[in-house]
Amino acid sequence: MWLTKQRQLKKKGKLEYERQIRLEELGVVWDTHKYEWEEMFTLLVDIKRRTGNCNVPTKHKEGGEKIGLWLSKQRQIKKRGKLEYERQRQLDELGVVWQLK
């Protein structure tokens, strides 16, 4: 709860600079959604290196993470037209197949 409050203060521009620096030195991640997306993308990159493709079954887990479910959600978000351009570009370049047969 306390860390959530610190993130909110930073987002509003009300977190003391010294406190922000100290928290960053401890490794605090400010944008957890962006961080989580990047971590999952990195797992997908590893899968592509190992297998040669991004064909991950929905129930597949990698490193304890539900990467298959994550990829399925990315497809759903894209289908709704809500996937950020940069994220779609990264997934396109990696070779993600958007429509499964």
PDB file of N, CA and C in Angstrom:
ATOM      1  N   MET A   1       0.831  -1.197   0.000  1.00  0.00           N
ATOM      2  CA  MET A   1       0.000   0.000   0.000  1.00  0.00           C
ATOM      3  C   MET A   1       0.876   1.261   0.000  1.00  0.00           C
ATOM      4  N   TRP A   2       1.921   1.222   0.809  1.00  0.00           N
ATOM      5  CA  TRP A   2       2.795   2.379   0.893  1.00  0.00           C
ATOM      6  C   TRP A   2       3.457   2.655  -0.450  1.00  0.00           C
ATOM      7  N   LEU A   3       3.949   1.598  -1.108  1.00  0.00           N
ATOM      8  CA  LEU A   3       4.611   1.776  -2.397  1.00  0.00           C
ATOM      9  C   LEU A   3       3.624   2.280  -3.452  1.00  0.00           C
ATOM     10  N   THR A   4       2.408   1.789  -3.412  1.00  0.00           N
ATOM     11  CA  THR A   4       1.376   2.283  -4.329  1.00  0.00           C
ATOM     12  C   THR A   4       1.175   3.781  -4.130  1.00  0.00           C
ATOM     13  N   LYS A   5       1.168   4.214  -2.890  1.00  0.00           N
ATOM     14  CA  LYS A   5       1.018   5.644  -2.582  1.00  0.00           C
ATOM     15  C   LYS A   5       2.194   6.444  -3.150  1.00  0.00           C
ATOM     16  N   GLN A   6       3.409   5.898  -3.049  1.00  0.00           N
ATOM     17  CA  GLN A   6       4.579   6.591  -3.587  1.00  0.00           C
ATOM     18  C   GLN A   6       4.478   6.716  -5.108  1.00  0.00           C
ATOM     19  N   ARG A   7       3.985   5.655  -5.754  1.00  0.00           N
ATOM     20  CA  ARG A   7       3.801   5.702  -7.210  1.00  0.00           C
ATOM     21  C   ARG A   7       2.774   6.766  -7.588  1.00  0.00           C
ATOM     22  N   GLN A   8       1.705   6.850  -6.822  1.00  0.00           N
ATOM     23  CA  GLN A   8       0.671   7.848  -7.095  1.00  0.00           C
ATOM     24  C   GLN A   8       1.231   9.264  -6.922  1.00  0.00           C
ATOM     25  N   LEU A   9       2.014   9.462  -5.864  1.00  0.00           N
ATOM     26  CA  LEU A   9       2.617  10.772  -5.635  1.00  0.00           C
ATOM     27  C   LEU A   9       3.546  11.148  -6.792  1.00  0.00           C
ATOM     28  N   LYS A  10       4.338  10.191  -7.264  1.00  0.00           N
ATOM     29  CA  LYS A  10       5.242  10.470  -8.379  1.00  0.00           C
ATOM     30  C   LYS A  10       4.453  10.823  -9.627  1.00  0.00           C
ATOM     31  N   LYS A  11       3.406  10.069  -9.894  1.00  0.00           N
ATOM     32  CA  LYS A  11       2.584  10.319 -11.079  1.00  0.00           C
ATOM     33  C   LYS A  11       1.987  11.724 -11.047  1.00  0.00           C
ATOM     34  N   LYS A  12       1.637  12.195  -9.856  1.00  0.00           N
ATOM     35  CA  LYS A  12       1.059  13.531  -9.701  1.00  0.00           C
ATOM     36  C   LYS A  12       2.131  14.618  -9.610  1.00  0.00           C
ATOM     37  N   GLY A  13       3.412  14.200  -9.604  1.00  0.00           N
ATOM     38  CA  GLY A  13       4.499  15.167  -9.500  1.00  0.00           C
ATOM     39  C   GLY A  13       4.686  15.702  -8.097  1.00  0.00           C
ATOM     40  N   LYS A  14       4.231  14.942  -7.094  1.00  0.00           N
ATOM     41  CA  LYS A  14       4.287  15.406  -5.712  1.00  0.00           C
ATOM     42  C   LYS A  14       5.250  14.612  -4.837  1.00  0.00           C
ATOM     43  N   LEU A  15       5.997  13.713  -5.431  1.00  0.00           N
ATOM     44  CA  LEU A  15       6.963  12.923  -4.658  1.00  0.00           C
ATOM     45  C   LEU A  15       8.261  13.713  -4.551  1.00  0.00           C
ATOM     46  N   GLU A  16       8.777  13.817  -3.350  1.00  0.00           N
ATOM     47  CA  GLU A  16      10.032  14.535  -3.139  1.00  0.00           C
ATOM     48  C   GLU A  16      11.126  13.895  -3.989  1.00  0.00           C
ATOM     49  N   TYR A  17      11.950  14.733  -4.604  1.00  0.00           N
ATOM     50  CA  TYR A  17      12.993  14.256  -5.501  1.00  0.00           C
ATOM     51  C   TYR A  17      13.947  13.285  -4.796  1.00  0.00           C
ATOM     52  N   GLU A  18      14.363  13.613  -3.588  1.00  0.00           N
ATOM     53  CA  GLU A  18      15.301  12.760  -2.857  1.00  0.00           C
ATOM     54  C   GLU A  18      14.692  11.381  -2.587  1.00  0.00           C
ATOM     55  N   ARG A  19      13.414  11.381  -2.252  1.00  0.00           N
ATOM     56  CA  ARG A  19      12.721  10.113  -2.000  1.00  0.00           C
ATOM     57  C   ARG A  19      12.646   9.293  -3.293  1.00  0.00           C
ATOM     58  N   GLN A  20      12.353   9.964  -4.390  1.00  0.00           N
ATOM     59  CA  GLN A  20      12.289   9.282  -5.684  1.00  0.00           C
ATOM     60  C   GLN A  20      13.633   8.632  -6.009  1.00  0.00           C
ATOM     61  N   ILE A  21      14.705   9.373  -5.828  1.00  0.00           N
ATOM     62  CA  ILE A  21      16.042   8.847  -6.118  1.00  0.00           C
ATOM     63  C   ILE A  21      16.346   7.641  -5.231  1.00  0.00           C
ATOM     64  N   ARG A  22      16.034   7.746  -3.955  1.00  0.00           N
ATOM     65  CA  ARG A  22      16.296   6.625  -3.033  1.00  0.00           C
ATOM     66  C   ARG A  22      15.507   5.388  -3.441  1.00  0.00           C
ATOM     67  N   LEU A  23      14.257   5.572  -3.824  1.00  0.00           N
ATOM     68  CA  LEU A  23      13.437   4.434  -4.244  1.00  0.00           C
ATOM     69  C   LEU A  23      13.960   3.825  -5.541  1.00  0.00           C
ATOM     70  N   GLU A  24      14.384   4.676  -6.470  1.00  0.00           N
ATOM     71  CA  GLU A  24      14.949   4.166  -7.719  1.00  0.00           C
ATOM     72  C   GLU A  24      16.238   3.387  -7.469  1.00  0.00           C
ATOM     73  N   GLU A  25      17.050   3.852  -6.524  1.00  0.00           N
ATOM     74  CA  GLU A  25      18.274   3.136  -6.168  1.00  0.00           C
ATOM     75  C   GLU A  25      17.964   1.753  -5.603  1.00  0.00           C
ATOM     76  N   LEU A  26      16.797   1.610  -4.983  1.00  0.00           N
ATOM     77  CA  LEU A  26      16.364   0.313  -4.454  1.00  0.00           C
ATOM     78  C   LEU A  26      15.771  -0.582  -5.542  1.00  0.00           C
ATOM     79  N   GLY A  27      15.549  -0.004  -6.737  1.00  0.00           N
ATOM     80  CA  GLY A  27      15.011  -0.782  -7.838  1.00  0.00           C
ATOM     81  C   GLY A  27      13.509  -0.685  -8.017  1.00  0.00           C
ATOM     82  N   VAL A  28      12.897   0.334  -7.454  1.00  0.00           N
ATOM     83  CA  VAL A  28      11.451   0.506  -7.603  1.00  0.00           C
ATOM     84  C   VAL A  28      11.117   0.774  -9.064  1.00  0.00           C
ATOM     85  N   VAL A  29      10.105   0.082  -9.543  1.00  0.00           N
ATOM     86  CA  VAL A  29       9.586   0.273 -10.894  1.00  0.00           C
ATOM     87  C   VAL A  29       8.368   1.171 -10.786  1.00  0.00           C
ATOM     88  N   TRP A  30       8.378   2.277 -11.522  1.00  0.00           N
ATOM     89  CA  TRP A  30       7.278   3.229 -11.428  1.00  0.00           C
ATOM     90  C   TRP A  30       6.082   2.797 -12.262  1.00  0.00           C
ATOM     91  N   ASP A  31       6.319   2.366 -13.481  1.00  0.00           N
ATOM     92  CA  ASP A  31       5.233   1.959 -14.376  1.00  0.00           C
ATOM     93  C   ASP A  31       5.203   0.433 -14.425  1.00  0.00           C
ATOM     94  N   THR A  32       4.450  -0.158 -13.524  1.00  0.00           N
ATOM     95  CA  THR A  32       4.443  -1.620 -13.406  1.00  0.00           C
ATOM     96  C   THR A  32       3.807  -2.295 -14.611  1.00  0.00           C
ATOM     97  N   HIS A  33       2.825  -1.664 -15.239  1.00  0.00           N
ATOM     98  CA  HIS A  33       2.193  -2.275 -16.416  1.00  0.00           C
ATOM     99  C   HIS A  33       3.181  -2.369 -17.570  1.00  0.00           C
ATOM    100  N   LYS A  34       3.933  -1.307 -17.791  1.00  0.00           N
ATOM    101  CA  LYS A  34       4.952  -1.302 -18.852  1.00  0.00           C
ATOM    102  C   LYS A  34       6.029  -2.341 -18.541  1.00  0.00           C
ATOM    103  N   TYR A  35       6.454  -2.390 -17.293  1.00  0.00           N
ATOM    104  CA  TYR A  35       7.490  -3.340 -16.878  1.00  0.00           C
ATOM    105  C   TYR A  35       7.037  -4.780 -17.106  1.00  0.00           C
ATOM    106  N   GLU A  36       5.815  -5.085 -16.708  1.00  0.00           N
ATOM    107  CA  GLU A  36       5.286  -6.442 -16.882  1.00  0.00           C
ATOM    108  C   GLU A  36       5.181  -6.808 -18.359  1.00  0.00           C
ATOM    109  N   TRP A  37       4.739  -5.862 -19.199  1.00  0.00           N
ATOM    110  CA  TRP A  37       4.641  -6.130 -20.634  1.00  0.00           C
ATOM    111  C   TRP A  37       6.026  -6.445 -21.209  1.00  0.00           C
ATOM    112  N   GLU A  38       6.999  -5.645 -20.829  1.00  0.00           N
ATOM    113  CA  GLU A  38       8.359  -5.845 -21.334  1.00  0.00           C
ATOM    114  C   GLU A  38       8.945  -7.182 -20.870  1.00  0.00           C
ATOM    115  N   GLU A  39       8.631  -7.575 -19.648  1.00  0.00           N
ATOM    116  CA  GLU A  39       9.109  -8.870 -19.142  1.00  0.00           C
ATOM    117  C   GLU A  39       8.498 -10.019 -19.945  1.00  0.00           C
ATOM    118  N   MET A  40       7.215  -9.937 -20.228  1.00  0.00           N
ATOM    119  CA  MET A  40       6.550 -10.983 -21.009  1.00  0.00           C
ATOM    120  C   MET A  40       7.074 -10.997 -22.443  1.00  0.00           C
ATOM    121  N   PHE A  41       7.293  -9.832 -23.017  1.00  0.00           N
ATOM    122  CA  PHE A  41       7.848  -9.767 -24.364  1.00  0.00           C
ATOM    123  C   PHE A  41       9.225 -10.419 -24.404  1.00  0.00           C
ATOM    124  N   THR A  42      10.032 -10.179 -23.400  1.00  0.00           N
ATOM    125  CA  THR A  42      11.361 -10.784 -23.325  1.00  0.00           C
ATOM    126  C   THR A  42      11.254 -12.307 -23.276  1.00  0.00           C
ATOM    127  N   LEU A  43      10.285 -12.829 -22.526  1.00  0.00           N
ATOM    128  CA  LEU A  43      10.068 -14.277 -22.504  1.00  0.00           C
ATOM    129  C   LEU A  43       9.701 -14.790 -23.894  1.00  0.00           C
ATOM    130  N   LEU A  44       8.879 -14.041 -24.609  1.00  0.00           N
ATOM    131  CA  LEU A  44       8.488 -14.443 -25.954  1.00  0.00           C
ATOM    132  C   LEU A  44       9.687 -14.422 -26.900  1.00  0.00           C
ATOM    133  N   VAL A  45      10.549 -13.449 -26.746  1.00  0.00           N
ATOM    134  CA  VAL A  45      11.787 -13.395 -27.547  1.00  0.00           C
ATOM    135  C   VAL A  45      12.622 -14.641 -27.279  1.00  0.00           C
ATOM    136  N   ASP A  46      12.737 -15.035 -26.031  1.00  0.00           N
ATOM    137  CA  ASP A  46      13.498 -16.240 -25.671  1.00  0.00           C
ATOM    138  C   ASP A  46      12.887 -17.485 -26.312  1.00  0.00           C
ATOM    139  N   ILE A  47      11.579 -17.568 -26.308  1.00  0.00           N
ATOM    140  CA  ILE A  47      10.892 -18.709 -26.922  1.00  0.00           C
ATOM    141  C   ILE A  47      11.182 -18.736 -28.421  1.00  0.00           C
ATOM    142  N   LYS A  48      11.122 -17.565 -29.053  1.00  0.00           N
ATOM    143  CA  LYS A  48      11.391 -17.491 -30.491  1.00  0.00           C
ATOM    144  C   LYS A  48      12.818 -17.941 -30.793  1.00  0.00           C
ATOM    145  N   ARG A  49      13.770 -17.520 -29.991  1.00  0.00           N
ATOM    146  CA  ARG A  49      15.173 -17.944 -30.193  1.00  0.00           C
ATOM    147  C   ARG A  49      15.304 -19.458 -30.069  1.00  0.00           C
ATOM    148  N   ARG A  50      14.626 -20.011 -29.104  1.00  0.00           N
ATOM    149  CA  ARG A  50      14.742 -21.443 -28.824  1.00  0.00           C
ATOM    150  C   ARG A  50      13.985 -22.307 -29.832  1.00  0.00           C
ATOM    151  N   THR A  51      12.796 -21.873 -30.248  1.00  0.00           N
ATOM    152  CA  THR A  51      11.946 -22.720 -31.088  1.00  0.00           C
ATOM    153  C   THR A  51      11.869 -22.277 -32.543  1.00  0.00           C
ATOM    154  N   GLY A  52      12.251 -21.022 -32.803  1.00  0.00           N
ATOM    155  CA  GLY A  52      12.187 -20.516 -34.164  1.00  0.00           C
ATOM    156  C   GLY A  52      10.861 -19.868 -34.514  1.00  0.00           C
ATOM    157  N   ASN A  53       9.909 -19.852 -33.579  1.00  0.00           N
ATOM    158  CA  ASN A  53       8.612 -19.210 -33.847  1.00  0.00           C
ATOM    159  C   ASN A  53       7.997 -18.716 -32.541  1.00  0.00           C
ATOM    160  N   CYS A  54       6.859 -18.053 -32.698  1.00  0.00           N
ATOM    161  CA  CYS A  54       6.134 -17.507 -31.542  1.00  0.00           C
ATOM    162  C   CYS A  54       4.826 -18.246 -31.310  1.00  0.00           C
ATOM    163  N   ASN A  55       4.726 -19.446 -31.807  1.00  0.00           N
ATOM    164  CA  ASN A  55       3.500 -20.237 -31.675  1.00  0.00           C
ATOM    165  C   ASN A  55       3.436 -20.847 -30.279  1.00  0.00           C
ATOM    166  N   VAL A  56       2.855 -20.103 -29.380  1.00  0.00           N
ATOM    167  CA  VAL A  56       2.787 -20.504 -27.973  1.00  0.00           C
ATOM    168  C   VAL A  56       1.348 -20.888 -27.640  1.00  0.00           C
ATOM    169  N   PRO A  57       1.128 -22.124 -27.211  1.00  0.00           N
ATOM    170  CA  PRO A  57      -0.229 -22.520 -26.799  1.00  0.00           C
ATOM    171  C   PRO A  57      -0.718 -21.644 -25.641  1.00  0.00           C
ATOM    172  N   THR A  58      -1.997 -21.396 -25.602  1.00  0.00           N
ATOM    173  CA  THR A  58      -2.580 -20.510 -24.587  1.00  0.00           C
ATOM    174  C   THR A  58      -2.233 -20.943 -23.164  1.00  0.00           C
ATOM    175  N   LYS A  59      -2.126 -22.227 -22.922  1.00  0.00           N
ATOM    176  CA  LYS A  59      -1.855 -22.709 -21.561  1.00  0.00           C
ATOM    177  C   LYS A  59      -0.360 -22.822 -21.242  1.00  0.00           C
ATOM    178  N   HIS A  60       0.499 -22.415 -22.179  1.00  0.00           N
ATOM    179  CA  HIS A  60       1.944 -22.546 -21.979  1.00  0.00           C
ATOM    180  C   HIS A  60       2.451 -21.579 -20.910  1.00  0.00           C
ATOM    181  N   LYS A  61       3.333 -22.091 -20.064  1.00  0.00           N
ATOM    182  CA  LYS A  61       4.005 -21.269 -19.059  1.00  0.00           C
ATOM    183  C   LYS A  61       5.498 -21.293 -19.349  1.00  0.00           C
ATOM    184  N   GLU A  62       6.134 -20.192 -19.081  1.00  0.00           N
ATOM    185  CA  GLU A  62       7.578 -20.049 -19.282  1.00  0.00           C
ATOM    186  C   GLU A  62       8.133 -19.325 -18.073  1.00  0.00           C
ATOM    187  N   GLY A  63       9.079 -19.937 -17.398  1.00  0.00           N
ATOM    188  CA  GLY A  63       9.637 -19.293 -16.211  1.00  0.00           C
ATOM    189  C   GLY A  63       8.592 -18.992 -15.161  1.00  0.00           C
ATOM    190  N   GLY A  64       7.552 -19.822 -15.086  1.00  0.00           N
ATOM    191  CA  GLY A  64       6.485 -19.610 -14.114  1.00  0.00           C
ATOM    192  C   GLY A  64       5.444 -18.583 -14.543  1.00  0.00           C
ATOM    193  N   GLU A  65       5.645 -17.985 -15.711  1.00  0.00           N
ATOM    194  CA  GLU A  65       4.718 -16.961 -16.206  1.00  0.00           C
ATOM    195  C   GLU A  65       3.783 -17.548 -17.256  1.00  0.00           C
ATOM    196  N   LYS A  66       2.558 -17.070 -17.280  1.00  0.00           N
ATOM    197  CA  LYS A  66       1.551 -17.556 -18.229  1.00  0.00           C
ATOM    198  C   LYS A  66       1.696 -16.821 -19.561  1.00  0.00           C
ATOM    199  N   ILE A  67       2.782 -17.137 -20.276  1.00  0.00           N
ATOM    200  CA  ILE A  67       3.101 -16.445 -21.518  1.00  0.00           C
ATOM    201  C   ILE A  67       2.066 -16.714 -22.607  1.00  0.00           C
ATOM    202  N   GLY A  68       1.521 -17.911 -22.657  1.00  0.00           N
ATOM    203  CA  GLY A  68       0.507 -18.236 -23.655  1.00  0.00           C
ATOM    204  C   GLY A  68      -0.749 -17.406 -23.474  1.00  0.00           C
ATOM    205  N   LEU A  69      -1.175 -17.259 -22.243  1.00  0.00           N
ATOM    206  CA  LEU A  69      -2.343 -16.438 -21.938  1.00  0.00           C
ATOM    207  C   LEU A  69      -2.068 -14.970 -22.272  1.00  0.00           C
ATOM    208  N   TRP A  70      -0.871 -14.507 -21.948  1.00  0.00           N
ATOM    209  CA  TRP A  70      -0.484 -13.135 -22.247  1.00  0.00           C
ATOM    210  C   TRP A  70      -0.547 -12.875 -23.753  1.00  0.00           C
ATOM    211  N   LEU A  71       0.009 -13.796 -24.542  1.00  0.00           N
ATOM    212  CA  LEU A  71       0.005 -13.616 -25.992  1.00  0.00           C
ATOM    213  C   LEU A  71      -1.423 -13.632 -26.535  1.00  0.00           C
ATOM    214  N   SER A  72      -2.247 -14.501 -25.993  1.00  0.00           N
ATOM    215  CA  SER A  72      -3.650 -14.548 -26.388  1.00  0.00           C
ATOM    216  C   SER A  72      -4.332 -13.206 -26.106  1.00  0.00           C
ATOM    217  N   LYS A  73      -4.021 -12.601 -24.973  1.00  0.00           N
ATOM    218  CA  LYS A  73      -4.598 -11.299 -24.620  1.00  0.00           C
ATOM    219  C   LYS A  73      -4.106 -10.209 -25.572  1.00  0.00           C
ATOM    220  N   GLN A  74      -2.845 -10.291 -25.993  1.00  0.00           N
ATOM    221  CA  GLN A  74      -2.328  -9.303 -26.947  1.00  0.00           C
ATOM    222  C   GLN A  74      -3.093  -9.393 -28.253  1.00  0.00           C
ATOM    223  N   ARG A  75      -3.401 -10.616 -28.671  1.00  0.00           N
ATOM    224  CA  ARG A  75      -4.185 -10.805 -29.903  1.00  0.00           C
ATOM    225  C   ARG A  75      -5.581 -10.201 -29.754  1.00  0.00           C
ATOM    226  N   GLN A  76      -6.190 -10.407 -28.601  1.00  0.00           N
ATOM    227  CA  GLN A  76      -7.530  -9.857 -28.357  1.00  0.00           C
ATOM    228  C   GLN A  76      -7.506  -8.327 -28.354  1.00  0.00           C
ATOM    229  N   ILE A  77      -6.504  -7.763 -27.724  1.00  0.00           N
ATOM    230  CA  ILE A  77      -6.375  -6.309 -27.660  1.00  0.00           C
ATOM    231  C   ILE A  77      -6.185  -5.742 -29.066  1.00  0.00           C
ATOM    232  N   LYS A  78      -5.360  -6.402 -29.874  1.00  0.00           N
ATOM    233  CA  LYS A  78      -5.154  -5.953 -31.252  1.00  0.00           C
ATOM    234  C   LYS A  78      -6.447  -6.043 -32.052  1.00  0.00           C
ATOM    235  N   LYS A  79      -7.166  -7.133 -31.888  1.00  0.00           N
ATOM    236  CA  LYS A  79      -8.422  -7.331 -32.617  1.00  0.00           C
ATOM    237  C   LYS A  79      -9.412  -6.206 -32.312  1.00  0.00           C
ATOM    238  N   ARG A  80      -9.406  -5.720 -31.076  1.00  0.00           N
ATOM    239  CA  ARG A  80     -10.288  -4.617 -30.677  1.00  0.00           C
ATOM    240  C   ARG A  80      -9.741  -3.254 -31.112  1.00  0.00           C
ATOM    241  N   GLY A  81      -8.532  -3.260 -31.703  1.00  0.00           N
ATOM    242  CA  GLY A  81      -7.924  -2.006 -32.151  1.00  0.00           C
ATOM    243  C   GLY A  81      -7.337  -1.187 -31.027  1.00  0.00           C
ATOM    244  N   LYS A  82      -6.993  -1.837 -29.908  1.00  0.00           N
ATOM    245  CA  LYS A  82      -6.529  -1.117 -28.726  1.00  0.00           C
ATOM    246  C   LYS A  82      -5.046  -1.357 -28.412  1.00  0.00           C
ATOM    247  N   LEU A  83      -4.370  -2.169 -29.225  1.00  0.00           N
ATOM    248  CA  LEU A  83      -2.961  -2.457 -28.959  1.00  0.00           C
ATOM    249  C   LEU A  83      -2.114  -1.261 -29.396  1.00  0.00           C
ATOM    250  N   GLU A  84      -1.282  -0.773 -28.496  1.00  0.00           N
ATOM    251  CA  GLU A  84      -0.424   0.369 -28.805  1.00  0.00           C
ATOM    252  C   GLU A  84       0.429   0.064 -30.033  1.00  0.00           C
ATOM    253  N   TYR A  85       0.625   1.088 -30.861  1.00  0.00           N
ATOM    254  CA  TYR A  85       1.368   0.925 -32.108  1.00  0.00           C
ATOM    255  C   TYR A  85       2.741   0.304 -31.872  1.00  0.00           C
ATOM    256  N   GLU A  86       3.478   0.820 -30.908  1.00  0.00           N
ATOM    257  CA  GLU A  86       4.847   0.342 -30.661  1.00  0.00           C
ATOM    258  C   GLU A  86       4.857  -1.124 -30.231  1.00  0.00           C
ATOM    259  N   ARG A  87       3.903  -1.513 -29.426  1.00  0.00           N
ATOM    260  CA  ARG A  87       3.828  -2.908 -28.989  1.00  0.00           C
ATOM    261  C   ARG A  87       3.484  -3.813 -30.174  1.00  0.00           C
ATOM    262  N   GLN A  88       2.541  -3.372 -30.997  1.00  0.00           N
ATOM    263  CA  GLN A  88       2.195  -4.163 -32.172  1.00  0.00           C
ATOM    264  C   GLN A  88       3.397  -4.293 -33.106  1.00  0.00           C
ATOM    265  N   ARG A  89       4.118  -3.208 -33.280  1.00  0.00           N
ATOM    266  CA  ARG A  89       5.304  -3.230 -34.134  1.00  0.00           C
ATOM    267  C   ARG A  89       6.331  -4.238 -33.619  1.00  0.00           C
ATOM    268  N   GLN A  90       6.571  -4.225 -32.323  1.00  0.00           N
ATOM    269  CA  GLN A  90       7.526  -5.160 -31.730  1.00  0.00           C
ATOM    270  C   GLN A  90       7.085  -6.612 -31.948  1.00  0.00           C
ATOM    271  N   LEU A  91       5.816  -6.867 -31.725  1.00  0.00           N
ATOM    272  CA  LEU A  91       5.298  -8.228 -31.897  1.00  0.00           C
ATOM    273  C   LEU A  91       5.322  -8.636 -33.373  1.00  0.00           C
ATOM    274  N   ASP A  92       4.998  -7.701 -34.268  1.00  0.00           N
ATOM    275  CA  ASP A  92       5.080  -7.969 -35.706  1.00  0.00           C
ATOM    276  C   ASP A  92       6.496  -8.353 -36.108  1.00  0.00           C
ATOM    277  N   GLU A  93       7.455  -7.549 -35.663  1.00  0.00           N
ATOM    278  CA  GLU A  93       8.855  -7.799 -36.014  1.00  0.00           C
ATOM    279  C   GLU A  93       9.346  -9.141 -35.477  1.00  0.00           C
ATOM    280  N   LEU A  94       8.797  -9.558 -34.355  1.00  0.00           N
ATOM    281  CA  LEU A  94       9.179 -10.840 -33.773  1.00  0.00           C
ATOM    282  C   LEU A  94       8.568 -12.002 -34.558  1.00  0.00           C
ATOM    283  N   GLY A  95       7.508 -11.717 -35.295  1.00  0.00           N
ATOM    284  CA  GLY A  95       6.886 -12.763 -36.104  1.00  0.00           C
ATOM    285  C   GLY A  95       5.628 -13.365 -35.511  1.00  0.00           C
ATOM    286  N   VAL A  96       4.950 -12.621 -34.661  1.00  0.00           N
ATOM    287  CA  VAL A  96       3.711 -13.121 -34.066  1.00  0.00           C
ATOM    288  C   VAL A  96       2.661 -13.270 -35.160  1.00  0.00           C
ATOM    289  N   VAL A  97       1.988 -14.413 -35.157  1.00  0.00           N
ATOM    290  CA  VAL A  97       0.861 -14.657 -36.053  1.00  0.00           C
ATOM    291  C   VAL A  97      -0.385 -14.182 -35.307  1.00  0.00           C
ATOM    292  N   TRP A  98      -1.107 -13.235 -35.917  1.00  0.00           N
ATOM    293  CA  TRP A  98      -2.241 -12.632 -35.222  1.00  0.00           C
ATOM    294  C   TRP A  98      -3.497 -13.466 -35.271  1.00  0.00           C
ATOM    295  N   GLN A  99      -3.768 -14.063 -36.403  1.00  0.00           N
ATOM    296  CA  GLN A  99      -4.982 -14.874 -36.523  1.00  0.00           C
ATOM    297  C   GLN A  99      -4.603 -16.340 -36.608  1.00  0.00           C
ATOM    298  N   LEU A 100      -5.023 -17.085 -35.618  1.00  0.00           N
ATOM    299  CA  LEU A 100      -4.723 -18.502 -35.580  1.00  0.00           C
ATOM    300  C   LEU A 100      -5.758 -19.254 -36.392  1.00  0.00           C
ATOM    301  N   LYS A 101      -5.352 -20.328 -37.004  1.00  0.00           N
ATOM    302  CA  LYS A 101      -6.275 -21.127 -37.834  1.00  0.00           C
ATOM    303  C   LYS A 101      -6.984 -22.154 -37.011  1.00  0.00           C
TER     304      LYS A 101
END
